[in-house]
Amino acid sequence: MAKNGLLIDYQFCTGCRTCEVACKKEHEYEVGQWGIKLAEFGPWKLPGDKWELDYIPFPTELCDLCGERVAKGKPPTCVKHCQAQVMKFGPIEELAQDLIEKPRQVLFAPK
């Protein structure tokens, strides 16, 4: 079982795609390969004058949470380069506590 994970607060993700670019560069993935990919949901109209548009970065099967970087004491490259600072890396048990406290987050725990 994984000990560390990635917590993503998608409520505040701006959709800048810096996580995608940093990951591709770190791992030298080819065109069409992604360790983390940004999904865009919306926009759609809500009651009243409100609209919703969400950006959700999600790790793919290629994501290894930057094992080599982490072994050197560095955070995964997506976490380091996230301009909105919506990603956290750490022990799953600690991240799960943050997940309980705030809505609109996802917790990624690799196999």
C-alpha atoms as a PDB file:
ATOM      1  CA  MET A   1       0.000   0.000   0.000  1.00  0.00           C
ATOM      2  CA  ALA A   2       1.203   3.514  -0.793  1.00  0.00           C
ATOM      3  CA  LYS A   3       2.514   5.583   2.070  1.00  0.00           C
ATOM      4  CA  ASN A   4       2.512   8.949   0.314  1.00  0.00           C
ATOM      5  CA  GLY A   5      -0.099  10.547  -1.846  1.00  0.00           C
ATOM      6  CA  LEU A   6      -1.112  13.698  -3.649  1.00  0.00           C
ATOM      7  CA  LEU A   7      -3.964  15.920  -2.459  1.00  0.00           C
ATOM      8  CA  ILE A   8      -5.395  18.281  -5.061  1.00  0.00           C
ATOM      9  CA  ASP A   9      -7.728  21.139  -4.105  1.00  0.00           C
ATOM     10  CA  TYR A  10      -9.491  21.620  -7.413  1.00  0.00           C
ATOM     11  CA  GLN A  11     -11.720  24.413  -6.119  1.00  0.00           C
ATOM     12  CA  PHE A  12      -8.843  26.830  -6.633  1.00  0.00           C
ATOM     13  CA  CYS A  13      -7.063  25.282  -9.637  1.00  0.00           C
ATOM     14  CA  THR A  14      -6.737  27.969 -12.329  1.00  0.00           C
ATOM     15  CA  GLY A  15      -6.152  25.555 -15.213  1.00  0.00           C
ATOM     16  CA  CYS A  16      -2.696  26.965 -16.019  1.00  0.00           C
ATOM     17  CA  ARG A  17      -1.364  23.487 -16.992  1.00  0.00           C
ATOM     18  CA  THR A  18       2.002  24.127 -15.322  1.00  0.00           C
ATOM     19  CA  CYS A  19       1.734  20.731 -13.609  1.00  0.00           C
ATOM     20  CA  GLU A  20       1.384  19.018 -17.008  1.00  0.00           C
ATOM     21  CA  VAL A  21       4.343  20.866 -18.517  1.00  0.00           C
ATOM     22  CA  ALA A  22       6.613  20.329 -15.492  1.00  0.00           C
ATOM     23  CA  CYS A  23       5.779  16.610 -15.395  1.00  0.00           C
ATOM     24  CA  LYS A  24       6.371  16.118 -19.139  1.00  0.00           C
ATOM     25  CA  LYS A  25       9.741  17.868 -18.883  1.00  0.00           C
ATOM     26  CA  GLU A  26      10.797  16.013 -15.719  1.00  0.00           C
ATOM     27  CA  HIS A  27      10.041  12.587 -17.215  1.00  0.00           C
ATOM     28  CA  GLU A  28      10.731  13.422 -20.872  1.00  0.00           C
ATOM     29  CA  TYR A  29       7.374  11.979 -21.932  1.00  0.00           C
ATOM     30  CA  GLU A  30       6.627  11.827 -25.630  1.00  0.00           C
ATOM     31  CA  VAL A  31       3.780  13.630 -27.353  1.00  0.00           C
ATOM     32  CA  GLY A  32       0.490  12.214 -26.085  1.00  0.00           C
ATOM     33  CA  GLN A  33       1.967  10.878 -22.831  1.00  0.00           C
ATOM     34  CA  TRP A  34       1.177  12.485 -19.508  1.00  0.00           C
ATOM     35  CA  GLY A  35       2.012  11.779 -15.885  1.00  0.00           C
ATOM     36  CA  ILE A  36      -0.617  14.307 -14.834  1.00  0.00           C
ATOM     37  CA  LYS A  37      -3.367  15.623 -17.088  1.00  0.00           C
ATOM     38  CA  LEU A  38      -5.749  18.515 -16.608  1.00  0.00           C
ATOM     39  CA  ALA A  39      -9.448  17.901 -17.191  1.00  0.00           C
ATOM     40  CA  GLU A  40     -11.837  20.782 -17.795  1.00  0.00           C
ATOM     41  CA  PHE A  41     -15.485  20.471 -16.738  1.00  0.00           C
ATOM     42  CA  GLY A  42     -17.974  23.125 -17.787  1.00  0.00           C
ATOM     43  CA  PRO A  43     -18.834  25.836 -18.069  1.00  0.00           C
ATOM     44  CA  TRP A  44     -22.450  25.298 -17.139  1.00  0.00           C
ATOM     45  CA  LYS A  45     -25.074  27.625 -15.792  1.00  0.00           C
ATOM     46  CA  LEU A  46     -26.146  27.363 -12.174  1.00  0.00           C
ATOM     47  CA  PRO A  47     -29.290  28.872 -10.663  1.00  0.00           C
ATOM     48  CA  GLY A  48     -29.283  32.671 -10.761  1.00  0.00           C
ATOM     49  CA  ASP A  49     -26.439  34.462 -12.486  1.00  0.00           C
ATOM     50  CA  LYS A  50     -23.752  31.943 -11.531  1.00  0.00           C
ATOM     51  CA  TRP A  51     -21.643  29.728 -13.747  1.00  0.00           C
ATOM     52  CA  GLU A  52     -19.361  26.828 -12.883  1.00  0.00           C
ATOM     53  CA  LEU A  53     -16.101  25.842 -14.544  1.00  0.00           C
ATOM     54  CA  ASP A  54     -13.762  23.367 -12.873  1.00  0.00           C
ATOM     55  CA  TYR A  55     -10.211  22.310 -13.677  1.00  0.00           C
ATOM     56  CA  ILE A  56      -9.148  19.007 -12.190  1.00  0.00           C
ATOM     57  CA  PRO A  57      -5.539  17.832 -12.512  1.00  0.00           C
ATOM     58  CA  PHE A  58      -5.466  14.057 -12.265  1.00  0.00           C
ATOM     59  CA  PRO A  59      -2.478  11.699 -12.178  1.00  0.00           C
ATOM     60  CA  THR A  60      -2.407   9.079 -14.934  1.00  0.00           C
ATOM     61  CA  GLU A  61      -1.066   5.528 -14.853  1.00  0.00           C
ATOM     62  CA  LEU A  62       2.378   6.948 -15.711  1.00  0.00           C
ATOM     63  CA  CYS A  63       2.526   8.947 -12.464  1.00  0.00           C
ATOM     64  CA  ASP A  64       5.038   7.587  -9.963  1.00  0.00           C
ATOM     65  CA  LEU A  65       4.836  10.691  -7.742  1.00  0.00           C
ATOM     66  CA  CYS A  66       8.352  11.557  -8.971  1.00  0.00           C
ATOM     67  CA  GLY A  67       9.951   8.735  -6.992  1.00  0.00           C
ATOM     68  CA  GLU A  68      13.499   9.830  -7.869  1.00  0.00           C
ATOM     69  CA  ARG A  69      12.862  13.444  -6.812  1.00  0.00           C
ATOM     70  CA  VAL A  70      11.155  12.377  -3.592  1.00  0.00           C
ATOM     71  CA  ALA A  71      14.045  10.038  -2.746  1.00  0.00           C
ATOM     72  CA  LYS A  72      16.290  13.135  -2.871  1.00  0.00           C
ATOM     73  CA  GLY A  73      14.006  15.007  -0.456  1.00  0.00           C
ATOM     74  CA  LYS A  74      12.289  17.068  -3.141  1.00  0.00           C
ATOM     75  CA  PRO A  75       8.534  17.293  -3.765  1.00  0.00           C
ATOM     76  CA  PRO A  76       6.989  15.887  -6.942  1.00  0.00           C
ATOM     77  CA  THR A  77       7.518  18.297  -9.810  1.00  0.00           C
ATOM     78  CA  CYS A  78       3.782  19.007 -10.222  1.00  0.00           C
ATOM     79  CA  VAL A  79       3.612  20.122  -6.577  1.00  0.00           C
ATOM     80  CA  LYS A  80       6.739  22.256  -6.876  1.00  0.00           C
ATOM     81  CA  HIS A  81       5.564  24.078  -9.987  1.00  0.00           C
ATOM     82  CA  CYS A  82       1.849  24.476  -9.189  1.00  0.00           C
ATOM     83  CA  GLN A  83       1.317  28.225  -9.482  1.00  0.00           C
ATOM     84  CA  ALA A  84      -1.941  28.200  -7.527  1.00  0.00           C
ATOM     85  CA  GLN A  85      -0.395  25.976  -4.815  1.00  0.00           C
ATOM     86  CA  VAL A  86      -3.377  23.626  -4.843  1.00  0.00           C
ATOM     87  CA  MET A  87      -1.336  20.419  -4.566  1.00  0.00           C
ATOM     88  CA  LYS A  88       0.090  18.829  -1.450  1.00  0.00           C
ATOM     89  CA  PHE A  89       2.326  15.775  -1.187  1.00  0.00           C
ATOM     90  CA  GLY A  90       2.813  13.732   1.950  1.00  0.00           C
ATOM     91  CA  PRO A  91       1.666  10.827   4.072  1.00  0.00           C
ATOM     92  CA  ILE A  92      -1.798   9.664   3.068  1.00  0.00           C
ATOM     93  CA  GLU A  93      -3.055   9.701   6.659  1.00  0.00           C
ATOM     94  CA  GLU A  94      -2.145  13.394   7.027  1.00  0.00           C
ATOM     95  CA  LEU A  95      -3.565  14.334   3.637  1.00  0.00           C
ATOM     96  CA  ALA A  96      -6.804  12.505   4.467  1.00  0.00           C
ATOM     97  CA  GLN A  97      -7.284  14.828   7.455  1.00  0.00           C
ATOM     98  CA  ASP A  98      -7.093  17.854   5.126  1.00  0.00           C
ATOM     99  CA  LEU A  99      -9.541  16.120   2.804  1.00  0.00           C
ATOM    100  CA  ILE A 100     -12.092  15.927   5.599  1.00  0.00           C
ATOM    101  CA  GLU A 101     -11.762  19.630   6.404  1.00  0.00           C
ATOM    102  CA  LYS A 102     -12.378  21.062   2.911  1.00  0.00           C
ATOM    103  CA  PRO A 103     -14.742  20.158   0.070  1.00  0.00           C
ATOM    104  CA  ARG A 104     -13.764  19.848  -3.609  1.00  0.00           C
ATOM    105  CA  GLN A 105     -10.530  17.947  -3.202  1.00  0.00           C
ATOM    106  CA  VAL A 106      -9.249  14.640  -4.521  1.00  0.00           C
ATOM    107  CA  LEU A 107      -6.678  12.347  -2.945  1.00  0.00           C
ATOM    108  CA  PHE A 108      -4.432  10.299  -5.226  1.00  0.00           C
ATOM    109  CA  ALA A 109      -2.789   7.262  -3.705  1.00  0.00           C
ATOM    110  CA  PRO A 110      -0.703   5.244  -6.179  1.00  0.00           C
ATOM    111  CA  LYS A 111      -0.699   1.452  -6.187  1.00  0.00           C
END
